C-alpha atoms as a PDB file:
ATOM      1  CA  MET A   1      98.482 102.523  77.710  1.00  0.00           C
ATOM      2  CA  THR A   2      98.546 105.796  79.620  1.00  0.00           C
ATOM      3  CA  GLN A   3     100.898 108.743  79.072  1.00  0.00           C
ATOM      4  CA  PRO A   4     103.706 110.308  81.144  1.00  0.00           C
ATOM      5  CA  ARG A   5     102.535 113.051  83.469  1.00  0.00           C
ATOM      6  CA  PRO A   6     105.436 115.452  84.132  1.00  0.00           C
ATOM      7  CA  ASP A   7     102.835 117.960  85.345  1.00  0.00           C
ATOM      8  CA  LEU A   8     102.364 115.717  88.407  1.00  0.00           C
ATOM      9  CA  ALA A   9     106.058 115.711  89.361  1.00  0.00           C
ATOM     10  CA  PRO A  10     106.733 116.462  93.045  1.00  0.00           C
ATOM     11  CA  ASP A  11     106.988 120.152  93.900  1.00  0.00           C
ATOM     12  CA  ALA A  12     108.506 120.938  97.288  1.00  0.00           C
ATOM     13  CA  ALA A  13     107.108 124.487  97.105  1.00  0.00           C
ATOM     14  CA  LEU A  14     103.551 123.248  97.564  1.00  0.00           C
ATOM     15  CA  SER A  15     101.824 123.460 100.936  1.00  0.00           C
ATOM     16  CA  ARG A  16     101.108 120.228 102.770  1.00  0.00           C
ATOM     17  CA  GLU A  17      97.449 120.456 101.794  1.00  0.00           C
ATOM     18  CA  GLU A  18      98.400 120.976  98.140  1.00  0.00           C
ATOM     19  CA  MET A  19     100.765 117.998  98.250  1.00  0.00           C
ATOM     20  CA  GLU A  20      98.022 115.785  99.638  1.00  0.00           C
ATOM     21  CA  ASP A  21      95.589 117.015  96.975  1.00  0.00           C
ATOM     22  CA  LEU A  22      98.177 116.221  94.306  1.00  0.00           C
ATOM     23  CA  GLN A  23      98.559 112.711  95.702  1.00  0.00           C
ATOM     24  CA  ARG A  24      94.812 112.164  95.397  1.00  0.00           C
ATOM     25  CA  GLU A  25      95.001 113.268  91.771  1.00  0.00           C
ATOM     26  CA  ILE A  26      97.908 110.862  91.188  1.00  0.00           C
ATOM     27  CA  ALA A  27      95.921 108.001  92.743  1.00  0.00           C
ATOM     28  CA  ASP A  28      93.037 108.766  90.385  1.00  0.00           C
ATOM     29  CA  VAL A  29      95.394 108.583  87.397  1.00  0.00           C
ATOM     30  CA  ALA A  30      97.289 105.484  88.567  1.00  0.00           C
ATOM     31  CA  VAL A  31      96.422 102.071  87.139  1.00  0.00           C
ATOM     32  CA  PHE A  32      96.456  99.414  89.868  1.00  0.00           C
ATOM     33  CA  GLU A  33      96.133  96.444  87.545  1.00  0.00           C
ATOM     34  CA  ASP A  34      98.352  94.742  84.980  1.00  0.00           C
ATOM     35  CA  ASP A  35      98.870  97.019  81.973  1.00  0.00           C
ATOM     36  CA  PHE A  36     102.199  96.201  80.340  1.00  0.00           C
ATOM     37  CA  SER A  37     103.438  94.578  77.152  1.00  0.00           C
ATOM     38  CA  PHE A  38     106.698  92.970  78.288  1.00  0.00           C
ATOM     39  CA  ASP A  39     107.022  89.304  79.236  1.00  0.00           C
ATOM     40  CA  LEU A  40     107.392  88.562  82.941  1.00  0.00           C
ATOM     41  CA  GLY A  41     109.166  85.301  82.122  1.00  0.00           C
ATOM     42  CA  GLY A  42     112.899  85.337  82.742  1.00  0.00           C
ATOM     43  CA  LEU A  43     112.956  88.383  85.027  1.00  0.00           C
ATOM     44  CA  SER A  44     115.775  86.833  87.001  1.00  0.00           C
ATOM     45  CA  ASN A  45     116.931  84.084  84.624  1.00  0.00           C
ATOM     46  CA  PRO A  46     118.019  84.718  81.006  1.00  0.00           C
ATOM     47  CA  LEU A  47     117.566  81.033  80.136  1.00  0.00           C
ATOM     48  CA  GLU A  48     113.872  81.246  81.015  1.00  0.00           C
ATOM     49  CA  ALA A  49     113.517  84.310  78.810  1.00  0.00           C
ATOM     50  CA  ALA A  50     115.275  82.550  75.949  1.00  0.00           C
ATOM     51  CA  ALA A  51     113.027  79.506  76.346  1.00  0.00           C
ATOM     52  CA  SER A  52     109.949  81.701  76.038  1.00  0.00           C
ATOM     53  CA  GLY A  53     111.358  83.448  72.970  1.00  0.00           C
ATOM     54  CA  ALA A  54     111.024  86.834  74.661  1.00  0.00           C
ATOM     55  CA  GLU A  55     113.602  89.579  75.062  1.00  0.00           C
ATOM     56  CA  PRO A  56     114.567  89.746  78.763  1.00  0.00           C
ATOM     57  CA  SER A  57     112.855  92.636  80.507  1.00  0.00           C
ATOM     58  CA  VAL A  58     114.841  95.527  81.985  1.00  0.00           C
ATOM     59  CA  VAL A  59     114.050  95.750  85.698  1.00  0.00           C
ATOM     60  CA  VAL A  60     115.313  98.790  87.583  1.00  0.00           C
ATOM     61  CA  GLY A  61     115.847  98.988  91.336  1.00  0.00           C
ATOM     62  CA  ILE A  62     115.858 102.397  93.035  1.00  0.00           C
ATOM     63  CA  ASP A  63     117.072 103.353  96.501  1.00  0.00           C
ATOM     64  CA  GLN A  64     118.228 106.470  98.332  1.00  0.00           C
ATOM     65  CA  SER A  65     121.097 107.565 100.524  1.00  0.00           C
ATOM     66  CA  PHE A  66     121.660 110.948 102.163  1.00  0.00           C
ATOM     67  CA  LEU A  67     124.540 113.362 102.495  1.00  0.00           C
ATOM     68  CA  THR A  68     125.042 115.738 105.405  1.00  0.00           C
ATOM     69  CA  ASN A  69     126.419 119.249 105.670  1.00  0.00           C
ATOM     70  CA  ASP A  70     129.092 120.500 108.077  1.00  0.00           C
ATOM     71  CA  GLU A  71     126.475 120.823 110.817  1.00  0.00           C
ATOM     72  CA  GLY A  72     125.532 117.160 110.461  1.00  0.00           C
ATOM     73  CA  ASP A  73     122.116 117.839 108.916  1.00  0.00           C
ATOM     74  CA  GLN A  74     120.914 115.924 105.893  1.00  0.00           C
ATOM     75  CA  ASP A  75     120.861 118.410 103.024  1.00  0.00           C
ATOM     76  CA  ARG A  76     121.187 116.266  99.880  1.00  0.00           C
ATOM     77  CA  ALA A  77     119.651 113.042  98.611  1.00  0.00           C
ATOM     78  CA  LEU A  78     121.552 110.551  96.492  1.00  0.00           C
ATOM     79  CA  SER A  79     119.310 108.415  94.310  1.00  0.00           C
ATOM     80  CA  ALA A  80     120.883 105.174  93.082  1.00  0.00           C
ATOM     81  CA  VAL A  81     119.474 103.286  90.098  1.00  0.00           C
ATOM     82  CA  VAL A  82     120.516  99.779  89.075  1.00  0.00           C
ATOM     83  CA  ALA A  83     119.210  98.300  85.811  1.00  0.00           C
ATOM     84  CA  MET A  84     119.156  94.523  85.364  1.00  0.00           C
ATOM     85  CA  ARG A  85     118.297  92.280  82.432  1.00  0.00           C
ATOM     86  CA  GLY A  86     117.871  88.544  82.917  1.00  0.00           C
ATOM     87  CA  GLY A  87     119.381  88.718  86.378  1.00  0.00           C
ATOM     88  CA  GLU A  88     122.538  90.576  85.253  1.00  0.00           C
ATOM     89  CA  VAL A  89     123.413  94.213  86.012  1.00  0.00           C
ATOM     90  CA  ILE A  90     123.602  96.221  82.778  1.00  0.00           C
ATOM     91  CA  GLU A  91     123.845  99.778  84.132  1.00  0.00           C
ATOM     92  CA  ARG A  92     124.257 101.788  87.343  1.00  0.00           C
ATOM     93  CA  VAL A  93     123.687 105.536  87.628  1.00  0.00           C
ATOM     94  CA  HIS A  94     123.030 108.007  90.432  1.00  0.00           C
ATOM     95  CA  ALA A  95     122.090 111.634  90.952  1.00  0.00           C
ATOM     96  CA  VAL A  96     122.447 114.024  93.888  1.00  0.00           C
ATOM     97  CA  THR A  97     120.036 116.885  94.522  1.00  0.00           C
ATOM     98  CA  SER A  98     119.227 119.158  97.430  1.00  0.00           C
ATOM     99  CA  LEU A  99     116.622 118.193  99.996  1.00  0.00           C
ATOM    100  CA  GLU A 100     114.052 120.962 100.100  1.00  0.00           C
ATOM    101  CA  ILE A 101     111.658 119.729 102.793  1.00  0.00           C
ATOM    102  CA  PRO A 102     111.990 117.606 105.954  1.00  0.00           C
ATOM    103  CA  TYR A 103     110.705 114.067 106.178  1.00  0.00           C
ATOM    104  CA  ILE A 104     106.919 114.077 106.557  1.00  0.00           C
ATOM    105  CA  PRO A 105     105.144 110.709 106.846  1.00  0.00           C
ATOM    106  CA  GLY A 106     103.090 110.100 103.722  1.00  0.00           C
ATOM    107  CA  LEU A 107     104.881 112.786 101.675  1.00  0.00           C
ATOM    108  CA  LEU A 108     108.162 110.985 101.016  1.00  0.00           C
ATOM    109  CA  SER A 109     108.023 111.477  97.242  1.00  0.00           C
ATOM    110  CA  PHE A 110     108.065 115.274  97.634  1.00  0.00           C
ATOM    111  CA  ARG A 111     111.333 114.992  99.566  1.00  0.00           C
ATOM    112  CA  GLU A 112     113.018 112.258  97.494  1.00  0.00           C
ATOM    113  CA  GLY A 113     111.267 112.374  94.116  1.00  0.00           C
ATOM    114  CA  ALA A 114     113.526 114.988  92.471  1.00  0.00           C
ATOM    115  CA  PRO A 115     116.765 112.963  92.768  1.00  0.00           C
ATOM    116  CA  ILE A 116     114.943 109.822  91.620  1.00  0.00           C
ATOM    117  CA  LEU A 117     113.664 111.534  88.482  1.00  0.00           C
ATOM    118  CA  ALA A 118     117.118 113.048  87.905  1.00  0.00           C
ATOM    119  CA  ALA A 119     118.791 109.636  88.197  1.00  0.00           C
ATOM    120  CA  LEU A 120     116.281 108.024  85.838  1.00  0.00           C
ATOM    121  CA  GLU A 121     117.129 110.715  83.281  1.00  0.00           C
ATOM    122  CA  GLU A 122     120.766 109.527  83.438  1.00  0.00           C
ATOM    123  CA  LEU A 123     119.761 105.949  82.620  1.00  0.00           C
ATOM    124  CA  SER A 124     120.402 104.929  79.007  1.00  0.00           C
ATOM    125  CA  ALA A 125     118.514 101.626  79.313  1.00  0.00           C
ATOM    126  CA  ASP A 126     114.766 101.820  78.776  1.00  0.00           C
ATOM    127  CA  PRO A 127     113.126 100.345  81.920  1.00  0.00           C
ATOM    128  CA  ASP A 128     110.237  97.921  81.618  1.00  0.00           C
ATOM    129  CA  LEU A 129     109.630  97.844  85.369  1.00  0.00           C
ATOM    130  CA  LEU A 130     110.652 100.034  88.319  1.00  0.00           C
ATOM    131  CA  LEU A 131     111.063  98.667  91.854  1.00  0.00           C
ATOM    132  CA  PHE A 132     111.222 101.206  94.690  1.00  0.00           C
ATOM    133  CA  ASP A 133     112.362 100.964  98.286  1.00  0.00           C
ATOM    134  CA  GLY A 134     109.091 102.480  99.497  1.00  0.00           C
ATOM    135  CA  SER A 135     105.342 102.181  99.228  1.00  0.00           C
ATOM    136  CA  GLY A 136     103.019 102.171  96.252  1.00  0.00           C
ATOM    137  CA  ARG A 137      99.285 101.847  96.840  1.00  0.00           C
ATOM    138  CA  ILE A 138      99.830 100.960 100.515  1.00  0.00           C
ATOM    139  CA  HIS A 139      99.628 104.637 101.396  1.00  0.00           C
ATOM    140  CA  PHE A 140      97.189 106.985 103.123  1.00  0.00           C
ATOM    141  CA  ARG A 141      96.140 108.494  99.781  1.00  0.00           C
ATOM    142  CA  GLN A 142      97.069 105.480  97.614  1.00  0.00           C
ATOM    143  CA  ALA A 143     100.016 107.412  96.174  1.00  0.00           C
ATOM    144  CA  GLY A 144     103.323 106.353  97.706  1.00  0.00           C
ATOM    145  CA  ILE A 145     106.638 107.052  96.040  1.00  0.00           C
ATOM    146  CA  ALA A 146     106.332 104.069  93.646  1.00  0.00           C
ATOM    147  CA  THR A 147     102.929 105.290  92.489  1.00  0.00           C
ATOM    148  CA  HIS A 148     104.015 108.919  92.193  1.00  0.00           C
ATOM    149  CA  MET A 149     107.153 108.176  90.178  1.00  0.00           C
ATOM    150  CA  GLY A 150     105.450 105.469  88.125  1.00  0.00           C
ATOM    151  CA  VAL A 151     102.672 107.837  87.064  1.00  0.00           C
ATOM    152  CA  VAL A 152     105.049 110.724  86.276  1.00  0.00           C
ATOM    153  CA  ARG A 153     107.170 108.458  84.038  1.00  0.00           C
ATOM    154  CA  ASP A 154     104.294 106.159  83.011  1.00  0.00           C
ATOM    155  CA  VAL A 155     106.387 103.062  83.674  1.00  0.00           C
ATOM    156  CA  PRO A 156     105.046  99.940  85.442  1.00  0.00           C
ATOM    157  CA  SER A 157     106.214 100.194  89.034  1.00  0.00           C
ATOM    158  CA  ILE A 158     106.119  98.347  92.353  1.00  0.00           C
ATOM    159  CA  GLY A 159     106.588  99.559  95.924  1.00  0.00           C
ATOM    160  CA  VAL A 160     108.636  97.363  98.263  1.00  0.00           C
ATOM    161  CA  ALA A 161     108.461  98.659 101.844  1.00  0.00           C
ATOM    162  CA  LYS A 162     110.136  97.234 104.932  1.00  0.00           C
ATOM    163  CA  SER A 163     107.351  98.390 107.266  1.00  0.00           C
ATOM    164  CA  LEU A 164     103.589  98.759 106.970  1.00  0.00           C
ATOM    165  CA  LEU A 165     102.567 102.398 106.534  1.00  0.00           C
ATOM    166  CA  CYS A 166      98.811 101.797 106.700  1.00  0.00           C
ATOM    167  CA  GLY A 167      96.162  99.204 105.931  1.00  0.00           C
ATOM    168  CA  THR A 168      95.158  96.010 107.734  1.00  0.00           C
ATOM    169  CA  PRO A 169      96.716  92.567 107.193  1.00  0.00           C
ATOM    170  CA  LEU A 170      94.081  89.873 106.686  1.00  0.00           C
ATOM    171  CA  GLU A 171      96.081  87.454 108.863  1.00  0.00           C
ATOM    172  CA  ASP A 172      98.892  87.508 111.404  1.00  0.00           C
ATOM    173  CA  THR A 173     102.193  88.365 109.685  1.00  0.00           C
ATOM    174  CA  ASP A 174     104.520  87.061 112.421  1.00  0.00           C
ATOM    175  CA  ASP A 175     106.840  84.142 111.631  1.00  0.00           C
ATOM    176  CA  LEU A 176     105.397  83.445 108.189  1.00  0.00           C
ATOM    177  CA  PRO A 177     106.777  80.559 106.123  1.00  0.00           C
ATOM    178  CA  GLU A 178     108.916  81.542 103.161  1.00  0.00           C
ATOM    179  CA  GLY A 179     106.773  82.272 100.115  1.00  0.00           C
ATOM    180  CA  SER A 180     103.705  83.340 102.113  1.00  0.00           C
ATOM    181  CA  LEU A 181     101.421  86.120 100.884  1.00  0.00           C
ATOM    182  CA  ILE A 182      99.032  87.924 103.243  1.00  0.00           C
ATOM    183  CA  GLY A 183      96.650  90.480 101.762  1.00  0.00           C
ATOM    184  CA  ILE A 184      96.675  94.064 103.059  1.00  0.00           C
ATOM    185  CA  GLU A 185      93.301  95.787 102.892  1.00  0.00           C
ATOM    186  CA  SER A 186      92.369  99.432 103.292  1.00  0.00           C
ATOM    187  CA  ASN A 187      90.980 100.756 106.550  1.00  0.00           C
ATOM    188  CA  ALA A 188      89.805 104.100 107.927  1.00  0.00           C
ATOM    189  CA  ARG A 189      93.300 105.619 107.484  1.00  0.00           C
ATOM    190  CA  VAL A 190      93.265 105.078 103.713  1.00  0.00           C
ATOM    191  CA  ASP A 191      91.407 107.127 101.094  1.00  0.00           C
ATOM    192  CA  ALA A 192      89.800 104.016  99.609  1.00  0.00           C
ATOM    193  CA  PRO A 193      86.678 101.977 100.298  1.00  0.00           C
ATOM    194  CA  ASP A 194      87.130  99.619 103.252  1.00  0.00           C
ATOM    195  CA  GLY A 195      88.229  96.214 102.060  1.00  0.00           C
ATOM    196  CA  THR A 196      90.148  97.466  99.006  1.00  0.00           C
ATOM    197  CA  LEU A 197      93.129  95.175  98.393  1.00  0.00           C
ATOM    198  CA  LEU A 198      96.145  97.491  98.593  1.00  0.00           C
ATOM    199  CA  GLY A 199      98.910  94.910  98.356  1.00  0.00           C
ATOM    200  CA  TYR A 200     100.497  91.998 100.195  1.00  0.00           C
ATOM    201  CA  ALA A 201     102.817  91.136 103.018  1.00  0.00           C
ATOM    202  CA  VAL A 202     105.367  89.006 101.153  1.00  0.00           C
ATOM    203  CA  GLN A 203     107.671  86.603 102.962  1.00  0.00           C
ATOM    204  CA  THR A 204     110.672  86.310 100.652  1.00  0.00           C
ATOM    205  CA  ARG A 205     112.976  84.613 103.159  1.00  0.00           C
ATOM    206  CA  GLN A 206     112.673  82.973 106.571  1.00  0.00           C
ATOM    207  CA  TYR A 207     115.034  81.547 109.172  1.00  0.00           C
ATOM    208  CA  ASP A 208     114.955  77.812 109.775  1.00  0.00           C
ATOM    209  CA  SER A 209     114.801  78.382 113.516  1.00  0.00           C
ATOM    210  CA  PRO A 210     112.030  78.554 116.142  1.00  0.00           C
ATOM    211  CA  ASN A 211     113.807  81.334 118.033  1.00  0.00           C
ATOM    212  CA  ARG A 212     113.969  84.093 115.440  1.00  0.00           C
ATOM    213  CA  TYR A 213     112.150  85.172 112.326  1.00  0.00           C
ATOM    214  CA  ILE A 214     112.381  87.609 109.436  1.00  0.00           C
ATOM    215  CA  ASN A 215     109.602  90.167 108.995  1.00  0.00           C
ATOM    216  CA  PRO A 216     107.834  90.263 105.627  1.00  0.00           C
ATOM    217  CA  LEU A 217     108.105  92.972 102.997  1.00  0.00           C
ATOM    218  CA  TYR A 218     105.029  95.056 102.217  1.00  0.00           C
ATOM    219  CA  VAL A 219     104.569  95.010  98.470  1.00  0.00           C
ATOM    220  CA  SER A 220     102.037  97.066  96.560  1.00  0.00           C
ATOM    221  CA  PRO A 221     101.286  98.203  93.021  1.00  0.00           C
ATOM    222  CA  GLY A 222     102.814 101.502  92.015  1.00  0.00           C
ATOM    223  CA  HIS A 223     101.403 101.939  88.529  1.00  0.00           C
ATOM    224  CA  ARG A 224     100.256  99.582  85.744  1.00  0.00           C
ATOM    225  CA  VAL A 225     100.848  96.484  87.889  1.00  0.00           C
ATOM    226  CA  GLY A 226      98.224  94.547  89.854  1.00  0.00           C
ATOM    227  CA  PRO A 227      98.726  93.486  93.479  1.00  0.00           C
ATOM    228  CA  GLU A 228      99.102  89.777  92.705  1.00  0.00           C
ATOM    229  CA  THR A 229     101.652  90.426  89.969  1.00  0.00           C
ATOM    230  CA  ALA A 230     103.584  92.803  92.233  1.00  0.00           C
ATOM    231  CA  ALA A 231     103.852  90.118  94.925  1.00  0.00           C
ATOM    232  CA  ASP A 232     104.838  87.425  92.417  1.00  0.00           C
ATOM    233  CA  VAL A 233     107.535  89.643  90.890  1.00  0.00           C
ATOM    234  CA  VAL A 234     109.112  90.360  94.274  1.00  0.00           C
ATOM    235  CA  LEU A 235     109.181  86.644  95.112  1.00  0.00           C
ATOM    236  CA  GLU A 236     110.710  85.915  91.711  1.00  0.00           C
ATOM    237  CA  LEU A 237     113.424  88.555  92.116  1.00  0.00           C
ATOM    238  CA  ALA A 238     114.420  87.661  95.688  1.00  0.00           C
ATOM    239  CA  SER A 239     117.599  85.600  95.793  1.00  0.00           C
ATOM    240  CA  SER A 240     119.259  84.563  99.040  1.00  0.00           C
ATOM    241  CA  TYR A 241     118.401  87.934 100.578  1.00  0.00           C
ATOM    242  CA  LYS A 242     115.177  89.441 101.883  1.00  0.00           C
ATOM    243  CA  LEU A 243     115.014  92.297  99.370  1.00  0.00           C
ATOM    244  CA  PRO A 244     114.439  91.655  95.668  1.00  0.00           C
ATOM    245  CA  GLU A 245     117.795  91.757  93.929  1.00  0.00           C
ATOM    246  CA  PRO A 246     117.370  95.041  91.971  1.00  0.00           C
ATOM    247  CA  VAL A 247     116.463  96.936  95.159  1.00  0.00           C
ATOM    248  CA  ARG A 248     119.179  95.229  97.202  1.00  0.00           C
ATOM    249  CA  LEU A 249     121.814  96.155  94.627  1.00  0.00           C
ATOM    250  CA  ALA A 250     120.496  99.730  94.424  1.00  0.00           C
ATOM    251  CA  ASP A 251     120.857  99.986  98.200  1.00  0.00           C
ATOM    252  CA  GLN A 252     124.410  98.647  97.951  1.00  0.00           C
ATOM    253  CA  TYR A 253     125.255 101.033  95.123  1.00  0.00           C
ATOM    254  CA  ALA A 254     123.774 104.005  97.026  1.00  0.00           C
ATOM    255  CA  ASN A 255     126.171 103.311  99.885  1.00  0.00           C
ATOM    256  CA  GLU A 256     129.120 102.930  97.489  1.00  0.00           C
ATOM    257  CA  ALA A 257     128.314 106.189  95.707  1.00  0.00           C
ATOM    258  CA  LYS A 258     127.873 108.017  99.002  1.00  0.00           C
ATOM    259  CA  LYS A 259     131.228 106.736 100.242  1.00  0.00           C
ATOM    260  CA  SER A 260     132.953 107.879  97.054  1.00  0.00           C
ATOM    261  CA  LEU A 261     131.539 111.374  97.508  1.00  0.00           C
ATOM    262  CA  THR A 262     132.464 111.709 101.178  1.00  0.00           C
ATOM    263  CA  GLU A 263     135.979 110.278 101.135  1.00  0.00           C
END
């Protein structure tokens, strides 16, 4: 078991070079293999948890929305957190903080990390697993937002991205059958030895039609979860939608909270 690292929290006052150096330090600290004590059984089904004799794990989905000022510029981030146990929502919280830097590819956690950490502080449930709408190890410096936040809080975490930031799929990812897993390996754009398994393209849902298809999700370890487990968890937590249910509900809640603040 590692320890929380609040000293590695995102600091928007750092230069770009300092942010990238901090990400490399985070990647060195991160654990990209299974290192947790909770039972994965019954993540989405309380009956399965009961059958195993284990207490259902608390899985938390995290997503972001943005608020604009009078000039139409995004100036605040709203971080929405939804906690689930055995497939049921047990808590929803959110936090709003100022955006201090613009969007810079590869440095998302320095823009959005503060509201995420603030929202997690509002959560009374103790999370066993964090799922982020964003990357984990599939990142130029192996330290996407799921890795950064997971290390700071020292909570097992998984990145669930809708597009591939970097890395090379081992096979074609077009029109994959539902349930498919395609490994994503490092390449010259990633600070890792070539051939390092960063995560998987995960096909949670697929149309039953030859004329259209759903793109996969790009799933990677954040912290204290291995790549295979991360992919299996996302498949387990996907219902009739593409996104795993905790992240989908966090996205929905982010929009609800934003609407309530802007009405």
